[in-house]
């Protein structure tokens, strides 16, 4: 695969779609979907930056705590904390049989969703500034 600006743009378009979906889910009060799509948005943004920096295809990893470590220089603490927060939502919002014990309170609730939206906005701003 040849990595170029078009590859990066595709990651960003998909991330934007996840952002729009998370906002729609918020309005519909579907909090697990908010958490899933904010995690997905962050994953795609981080992968866009990794592709930009390495000129290689994005790693096939979904754990944001692992992905964020691939960004150079290391992102500030507020960004790694935001990624860590969002990372907890990938499995329990995709696989219903994993829910038990993954998130202390069970399914993500309104508070989780609010925090997820805030975390994804921080990551979005940081990544887009780095890609300028």
N, C-alpha and C. Protein backbone atom coordinates (compact mmCIF):
# COMPACT_ATOMS: atom_id res chain seq x y z
N UNK A 1 0.84 -1.19 0.00
CA UNK A 1 0.00 0.00 0.00
C UNK A 1 0.88 1.24 0.00
N UNK A 2 0.58 2.15 -0.89
CA UNK A 2 1.28 3.42 -0.93
C UNK A 2 0.55 4.37 0.00
N UNK A 3 1.30 4.95 0.93
CA UNK A 3 0.70 5.88 1.88
C UNK A 3 0.93 7.30 1.36
N UNK A 4 -0.16 8.05 1.25
CA UNK A 4 -0.07 9.43 0.81
C UNK A 4 -1.13 10.25 1.52
N UNK A 5 -1.23 11.51 1.12
CA UNK A 5 -2.20 12.39 1.78
C UNK A 5 -3.63 11.90 1.62
N UNK A 6 -3.92 11.20 0.53
CA UNK A 6 -5.27 10.67 0.34
C UNK A 6 -5.59 9.64 1.42
N UNK A 7 -4.62 8.79 1.78
CA UNK A 7 -4.83 7.82 2.85
C UNK A 7 -5.16 8.52 4.17
N UNK A 8 -4.45 9.58 4.45
CA UNK A 8 -4.68 10.33 5.68
C UNK A 8 -6.06 10.97 5.64
N UNK A 9 -6.43 11.53 4.51
CA UNK A 9 -7.74 12.16 4.36
C UNK A 9 -8.88 11.16 4.57
N UNK A 10 -8.70 9.92 4.11
CA UNK A 10 -9.72 8.90 4.31
C UNK A 10 -9.91 8.63 5.80
N UNK A 11 -8.81 8.51 6.55
CA UNK A 11 -8.93 8.33 8.00
C UNK A 11 -9.69 9.48 8.63
N UNK A 12 -9.39 10.71 8.17
CA UNK A 12 -10.05 11.89 8.74
C UNK A 12 -11.54 11.95 8.39
N UNK A 13 -11.88 11.56 7.18
CA UNK A 13 -13.30 11.54 6.78
C UNK A 13 -14.07 10.53 7.64
N UNK A 14 -13.49 9.35 7.82
CA UNK A 14 -14.15 8.33 8.66
C UNK A 14 -14.26 8.81 10.10
N UNK A 15 -13.24 9.50 10.59
CA UNK A 15 -13.29 10.04 11.96
C UNK A 15 -14.41 11.06 12.09
N UNK A 16 -14.56 11.90 11.06
CA UNK A 16 -15.62 12.92 11.08
C UNK A 16 -16.99 12.26 11.08
N UNK A 17 -17.13 11.16 10.35
CA UNK A 17 -18.41 10.44 10.35
C UNK A 17 -18.72 9.88 11.74
N UNK A 18 -17.69 9.38 12.42
CA UNK A 18 -17.90 8.90 13.79
C UNK A 18 -18.28 10.04 14.71
N UNK A 19 -17.70 11.22 14.51
CA UNK A 19 -18.05 12.38 15.33
C UNK A 19 -19.53 12.74 15.13
N UNK A 20 -19.97 12.75 13.89
CA UNK A 20 -21.37 13.07 13.61
C UNK A 20 -22.30 12.00 14.19
N UNK A 21 -21.89 10.76 14.09
CA UNK A 21 -22.71 9.67 14.62
C UNK A 21 -22.80 9.75 16.14
N UNK A 22 -21.70 10.10 16.79
CA UNK A 22 -21.73 10.22 18.26
C UNK A 22 -22.65 11.36 18.68
N UNK A 23 -22.66 12.44 17.93
CA UNK A 23 -23.56 13.56 18.24
C UNK A 23 -25.03 13.16 18.05
N UNK A 24 -25.30 12.41 16.99
CA UNK A 24 -26.67 11.94 16.76
C UNK A 24 -27.10 10.98 17.86
N UNK A 25 -26.18 10.11 18.27
CA UNK A 25 -26.49 9.16 19.34
C UNK A 25 -26.73 9.91 20.66
N UNK A 26 -25.98 10.98 20.89
CA UNK A 26 -26.18 11.79 22.10
C UNK A 26 -27.60 12.37 22.11
N UNK A 27 -28.00 12.93 20.99
CA UNK A 27 -29.35 13.51 20.90
C UNK A 27 -30.43 12.45 21.10
N UNK A 28 -30.14 11.23 20.66
CA UNK A 28 -31.10 10.12 20.79
C UNK A 28 -30.98 9.41 22.14
N UNK A 29 -30.04 9.85 22.97
CA UNK A 29 -29.79 9.27 24.30
C UNK A 29 -29.39 7.80 24.22
N UNK A 30 -28.59 7.49 23.20
CA UNK A 30 -28.04 6.13 23.05
C UNK A 30 -26.58 6.22 23.49
N UNK A 31 -26.36 6.14 24.79
CA UNK A 31 -25.07 6.46 25.38
C UNK A 31 -23.97 5.46 25.05
N UNK A 32 -24.31 4.19 24.89
CA UNK A 32 -23.28 3.22 24.52
C UNK A 32 -22.77 3.53 23.11
N UNK A 33 -23.65 3.99 22.22
CA UNK A 33 -23.24 4.35 20.86
C UNK A 33 -22.36 5.61 20.87
N UNK A 34 -22.67 6.54 21.75
CA UNK A 34 -21.83 7.73 21.90
C UNK A 34 -20.41 7.30 22.27
N UNK A 35 -20.32 6.43 23.25
CA UNK A 35 -19.01 5.99 23.72
C UNK A 35 -18.26 5.21 22.65
N UNK A 36 -18.96 4.35 21.93
CA UNK A 36 -18.31 3.58 20.87
C UNK A 36 -17.79 4.52 19.77
N UNK A 37 -18.63 5.43 19.30
CA UNK A 37 -18.22 6.26 18.18
C UNK A 37 -17.19 7.31 18.56
N UNK A 38 -17.17 7.76 19.80
CA UNK A 38 -16.09 8.67 20.21
C UNK A 38 -14.77 7.91 20.27
N UNK A 39 -14.81 6.64 20.73
CA UNK A 39 -13.60 5.82 20.72
C UNK A 39 -13.14 5.61 19.28
N UNK A 40 -14.07 5.31 18.39
CA UNK A 40 -13.72 5.09 16.99
C UNK A 40 -13.17 6.36 16.34
N UNK A 41 -13.76 7.49 16.66
CA UNK A 41 -13.26 8.76 16.13
C UNK A 41 -11.81 8.98 16.56
N UNK A 42 -11.56 8.77 17.84
CA UNK A 42 -10.20 8.96 18.35
C UNK A 42 -9.23 7.97 17.70
N UNK A 43 -9.64 6.74 17.57
CA UNK A 43 -8.79 5.73 16.94
C UNK A 43 -8.40 6.15 15.52
N UNK A 44 -9.36 6.61 14.76
CA UNK A 44 -9.10 6.98 13.37
C UNK A 44 -8.25 8.25 13.28
N UNK A 45 -8.47 9.19 14.18
CA UNK A 45 -7.63 10.39 14.22
C UNK A 45 -6.18 10.04 14.56
N UNK A 46 -6.01 9.21 15.57
CA UNK A 46 -4.66 8.81 15.97
C UNK A 46 -3.98 8.06 14.83
N UNK A 47 -4.71 7.18 14.16
CA UNK A 47 -4.14 6.44 13.04
C UNK A 47 -3.77 7.38 11.89
N UNK A 48 -4.55 8.41 11.66
CA UNK A 48 -4.21 9.40 10.62
C UNK A 48 -2.87 10.05 10.93
N UNK A 49 -2.66 10.41 12.18
CA UNK A 49 -1.40 11.04 12.57
C UNK A 49 -0.25 10.05 12.48
N UNK A 50 -0.47 8.82 12.89
CA UNK A 50 0.58 7.80 12.79
C UNK A 50 0.97 7.59 11.32
N UNK A 51 -0.01 7.49 10.44
CA UNK A 51 0.26 7.32 9.01
C UNK A 51 1.04 8.52 8.48
N UNK A 52 0.65 9.71 8.90
CA UNK A 52 1.35 10.93 8.49
C UNK A 52 2.80 10.92 8.95
N UNK A 53 3.03 10.49 10.16
CA UNK A 53 4.39 10.51 10.71
C UNK A 53 5.28 9.39 10.19
N UNK A 54 4.71 8.20 10.02
CA UNK A 54 5.53 7.04 9.66
C UNK A 54 5.57 6.75 8.16
N UNK A 55 4.59 7.28 7.43
CA UNK A 55 4.44 6.98 6.00
C UNK A 55 4.22 5.49 5.75
N UNK A 56 3.64 4.82 6.74
CA UNK A 56 3.32 3.40 6.65
C UNK A 56 1.83 3.23 6.92
N UNK A 57 1.25 2.09 6.49
CA UNK A 57 -0.16 1.85 6.80
C UNK A 57 -0.41 1.87 8.31
N UNK A 58 -1.61 2.21 8.67
CA UNK A 58 -1.99 2.27 10.09
C UNK A 58 -1.90 0.89 10.72
N UNK A 59 -1.45 0.84 11.97
CA UNK A 59 -1.40 -0.44 12.66
C UNK A 59 -2.80 -1.00 12.90
N UNK A 60 -2.91 -2.30 12.89
CA UNK A 60 -4.21 -2.97 13.10
C UNK A 60 -4.40 -3.20 14.60
N UNK A 61 -4.52 -2.10 15.32
CA UNK A 61 -4.65 -2.09 16.77
C UNK A 61 -5.85 -1.21 17.11
N UNK A 62 -6.63 -1.62 18.10
CA UNK A 62 -7.78 -0.82 18.52
C UNK A 62 -7.59 -0.17 19.89
N UNK A 63 -6.59 -0.60 20.62
CA UNK A 63 -6.35 -0.07 21.96
C UNK A 63 -5.70 1.31 21.86
N UNK A 64 -6.43 2.32 22.26
CA UNK A 64 -5.92 3.69 22.13
C UNK A 64 -4.70 3.95 23.00
N UNK A 65 -4.61 3.25 24.13
CA UNK A 65 -3.44 3.44 25.00
C UNK A 65 -2.16 2.97 24.29
N UNK A 66 -2.28 1.94 23.47
CA UNK A 66 -1.14 1.45 22.70
C UNK A 66 -0.88 2.35 21.49
N UNK A 67 -1.93 2.72 20.80
CA UNK A 67 -1.78 3.56 19.61
C UNK A 67 -1.17 4.91 19.94
N UNK A 68 -1.61 5.53 21.00
CA UNK A 68 -1.16 6.89 21.34
C UNK A 68 0.35 6.92 21.60
N UNK A 69 0.90 5.80 22.04
CA UNK A 69 2.35 5.72 22.30
C UNK A 69 3.17 5.73 21.01
N UNK A 70 2.53 5.50 19.88
CA UNK A 70 3.23 5.49 18.61
C UNK A 70 3.39 6.90 18.02
N UNK A 71 2.73 7.88 18.62
CA UNK A 71 2.85 9.27 18.17
C UNK A 71 4.14 9.86 18.73
N UNK A 72 4.88 10.55 17.87
CA UNK A 72 6.13 11.19 18.27
C UNK A 72 6.06 12.68 17.95
N UNK A 73 6.51 13.55 18.82
CA UNK A 73 6.84 13.27 20.21
C UNK A 73 5.58 12.85 20.98
N UNK A 74 5.81 12.31 22.14
CA UNK A 74 4.69 11.85 22.96
C UNK A 74 3.70 12.98 23.21
N UNK A 75 2.42 12.68 23.04
CA UNK A 75 1.40 13.72 23.29
C UNK A 75 1.38 14.14 24.76
N UNK A 76 0.84 15.31 25.04
CA UNK A 76 0.74 15.76 26.43
C UNK A 76 -0.19 14.85 27.25
N UNK A 77 -0.06 14.95 28.55
CA UNK A 77 -0.78 14.10 29.49
C UNK A 77 -2.30 14.15 29.28
N UNK A 78 -2.84 15.33 29.02
CA UNK A 78 -4.31 15.42 28.86
C UNK A 78 -4.79 14.62 27.65
N UNK A 79 -3.95 14.46 26.65
CA UNK A 79 -4.32 13.69 25.45
C UNK A 79 -4.19 12.20 25.73
N UNK A 80 -3.13 11.79 26.40
CA UNK A 80 -2.99 10.37 26.73
C UNK A 80 -4.08 9.93 27.72
N UNK A 81 -4.45 10.83 28.63
CA UNK A 81 -5.53 10.53 29.57
C UNK A 81 -6.86 10.40 28.83
N UNK A 82 -7.12 11.28 27.88
CA UNK A 82 -8.35 11.20 27.08
C UNK A 82 -8.39 9.89 26.29
N UNK A 83 -7.27 9.51 25.70
CA UNK A 83 -7.20 8.26 24.93
C UNK A 83 -7.44 7.06 25.84
N UNK A 84 -6.84 7.10 27.00
CA UNK A 84 -7.01 6.01 27.97
C UNK A 84 -8.47 5.88 28.38
N UNK A 85 -9.13 7.01 28.61
CA UNK A 85 -10.54 6.98 29.00
C UNK A 85 -11.40 6.35 27.89
N UNK A 86 -11.19 6.78 26.67
CA UNK A 86 -11.98 6.26 25.55
C UNK A 86 -11.70 4.80 25.25
N UNK A 87 -10.49 4.38 25.51
CA UNK A 87 -10.09 3.01 25.19
C UNK A 87 -10.94 1.96 25.89
N UNK A 88 -11.44 2.29 27.06
CA UNK A 88 -12.24 1.32 27.82
C UNK A 88 -13.55 0.95 27.15
N UNK A 89 -13.98 1.72 26.16
CA UNK A 89 -15.31 1.50 25.57
C UNK A 89 -15.32 0.63 24.32
N UNK A 90 -14.17 0.30 23.77
CA UNK A 90 -14.17 -0.46 22.51
C UNK A 90 -14.86 -1.81 22.66
N UNK A 91 -14.40 -2.63 23.56
CA UNK A 91 -14.95 -3.99 23.68
C UNK A 91 -16.39 -4.04 24.21
N UNK A 92 -16.69 -3.39 25.32
CA UNK A 92 -18.05 -3.56 25.86
C UNK A 92 -19.16 -2.94 25.01
N UNK A 93 -18.82 -2.02 24.13
CA UNK A 93 -19.86 -1.44 23.27
C UNK A 93 -19.98 -2.18 21.94
N UNK A 94 -19.08 -3.11 21.68
CA UNK A 94 -19.13 -3.91 20.45
C UNK A 94 -19.60 -5.33 20.70
N UNK A 95 -19.24 -5.86 21.85
CA UNK A 95 -19.49 -7.26 22.13
C UNK A 95 -20.30 -7.39 23.42
N UNK A 96 -21.60 -7.61 23.32
CA UNK A 96 -22.47 -7.64 24.50
C UNK A 96 -22.06 -8.66 25.55
N UNK A 97 -21.43 -9.74 25.17
CA UNK A 97 -21.06 -10.76 26.14
C UNK A 97 -19.82 -10.40 26.93
N UNK A 98 -19.20 -9.28 26.64
CA UNK A 98 -18.01 -8.84 27.38
C UNK A 98 -18.37 -7.80 28.43
N UNK A 99 -19.60 -7.30 28.41
CA UNK A 99 -19.99 -6.18 29.28
C UNK A 99 -19.71 -6.44 30.75
N UNK A 100 -20.07 -7.58 31.24
CA UNK A 100 -19.93 -7.85 32.68
C UNK A 100 -18.50 -7.65 33.15
N UNK A 101 -18.34 -6.73 34.07
CA UNK A 101 -17.05 -6.49 34.69
C UNK A 101 -16.12 -5.58 33.91
N UNK A 102 -16.47 -5.19 32.69
CA UNK A 102 -15.59 -4.34 31.91
C UNK A 102 -15.68 -2.88 32.37
N UNK A 103 -16.89 -2.39 32.46
CA UNK A 103 -17.13 -1.06 33.00
C UNK A 103 -17.86 -1.27 34.31
N UNK A 104 -17.34 -0.70 35.36
CA UNK A 104 -17.88 -0.95 36.70
C UNK A 104 -19.40 -0.84 36.79
N UNK A 105 -19.96 0.15 36.15
CA UNK A 105 -21.40 0.39 36.27
C UNK A 105 -22.23 -0.35 35.22
N UNK A 106 -21.64 -1.20 34.41
CA UNK A 106 -22.38 -1.89 33.35
C UNK A 106 -22.26 -1.13 32.04
N UNK A 107 -23.36 -0.99 31.32
CA UNK A 107 -23.33 -0.25 30.06
C UNK A 107 -22.97 1.21 30.29
N UNK A 108 -22.32 1.83 29.32
CA UNK A 108 -22.02 3.26 29.46
C UNK A 108 -23.31 4.07 29.66
N UNK A 109 -23.21 5.05 30.53
CA UNK A 109 -24.37 5.89 30.83
C UNK A 109 -24.14 7.32 30.34
N UNK A 110 -25.02 8.21 30.72
CA UNK A 110 -24.94 9.60 30.27
C UNK A 110 -23.63 10.26 30.69
N UNK A 111 -23.18 9.99 31.90
CA UNK A 111 -21.92 10.59 32.37
C UNK A 111 -20.75 10.09 31.54
N UNK A 112 -20.71 8.77 31.27
CA UNK A 112 -19.66 8.23 30.41
C UNK A 112 -19.69 8.91 29.04
N UNK A 113 -20.89 9.07 28.51
CA UNK A 113 -21.04 9.66 27.18
C UNK A 113 -20.56 11.11 27.16
N UNK A 114 -20.91 11.88 28.19
CA UNK A 114 -20.46 13.27 28.27
C UNK A 114 -18.94 13.34 28.31
N UNK A 115 -18.34 12.51 29.16
CA UNK A 115 -16.88 12.49 29.28
C UNK A 115 -16.24 12.02 27.97
N UNK A 116 -16.89 11.10 27.29
CA UNK A 116 -16.36 10.61 26.02
C UNK A 116 -16.36 11.70 24.96
N UNK A 117 -17.43 12.47 24.91
CA UNK A 117 -17.50 13.58 23.95
C UNK A 117 -16.40 14.61 24.23
N UNK A 118 -16.18 14.90 25.49
CA UNK A 118 -15.13 15.86 25.86
C UNK A 118 -13.75 15.30 25.49
N UNK A 119 -13.51 14.04 25.80
CA UNK A 119 -12.22 13.41 25.50
C UNK A 119 -11.97 13.39 23.99
N UNK A 120 -12.98 13.04 23.22
CA UNK A 120 -12.78 12.97 21.77
C UNK A 120 -12.53 14.35 21.17
N UNK A 121 -13.14 15.37 21.73
CA UNK A 121 -12.90 16.74 21.24
C UNK A 121 -11.46 17.17 21.51
N UNK A 122 -10.93 16.79 22.67
CA UNK A 122 -9.53 17.11 22.99
C UNK A 122 -8.60 16.44 21.98
N UNK A 123 -8.85 15.17 21.73
CA UNK A 123 -8.00 14.41 20.79
C UNK A 123 -8.15 14.98 19.39
N UNK A 124 -9.38 15.28 18.99
CA UNK A 124 -9.62 15.86 17.66
C UNK A 124 -8.82 17.14 17.47
N UNK A 125 -8.91 18.05 18.41
CA UNK A 125 -8.19 19.32 18.32
C UNK A 125 -6.68 19.10 18.25
N UNK A 126 -6.17 18.24 19.11
CA UNK A 126 -4.74 17.97 19.15
C UNK A 126 -4.25 17.38 17.82
N UNK A 127 -4.94 16.35 17.33
CA UNK A 127 -4.50 15.67 16.11
C UNK A 127 -4.59 16.62 14.91
N UNK A 128 -5.69 17.32 14.77
CA UNK A 128 -5.82 18.22 13.62
C UNK A 128 -4.77 19.32 13.64
N UNK A 129 -4.40 19.79 14.82
CA UNK A 129 -3.31 20.78 14.92
C UNK A 129 -1.98 20.17 14.51
N UNK A 130 -1.75 18.92 14.89
CA UNK A 130 -0.50 18.25 14.53
C UNK A 130 -0.42 17.98 13.02
N UNK A 131 -1.54 17.80 12.39
CA UNK A 131 -1.56 17.49 10.94
C UNK A 131 -1.46 18.74 10.06
N UNK A 132 -1.52 19.92 10.65
CA UNK A 132 -1.42 21.17 9.86
C UNK A 132 -0.05 21.32 9.26
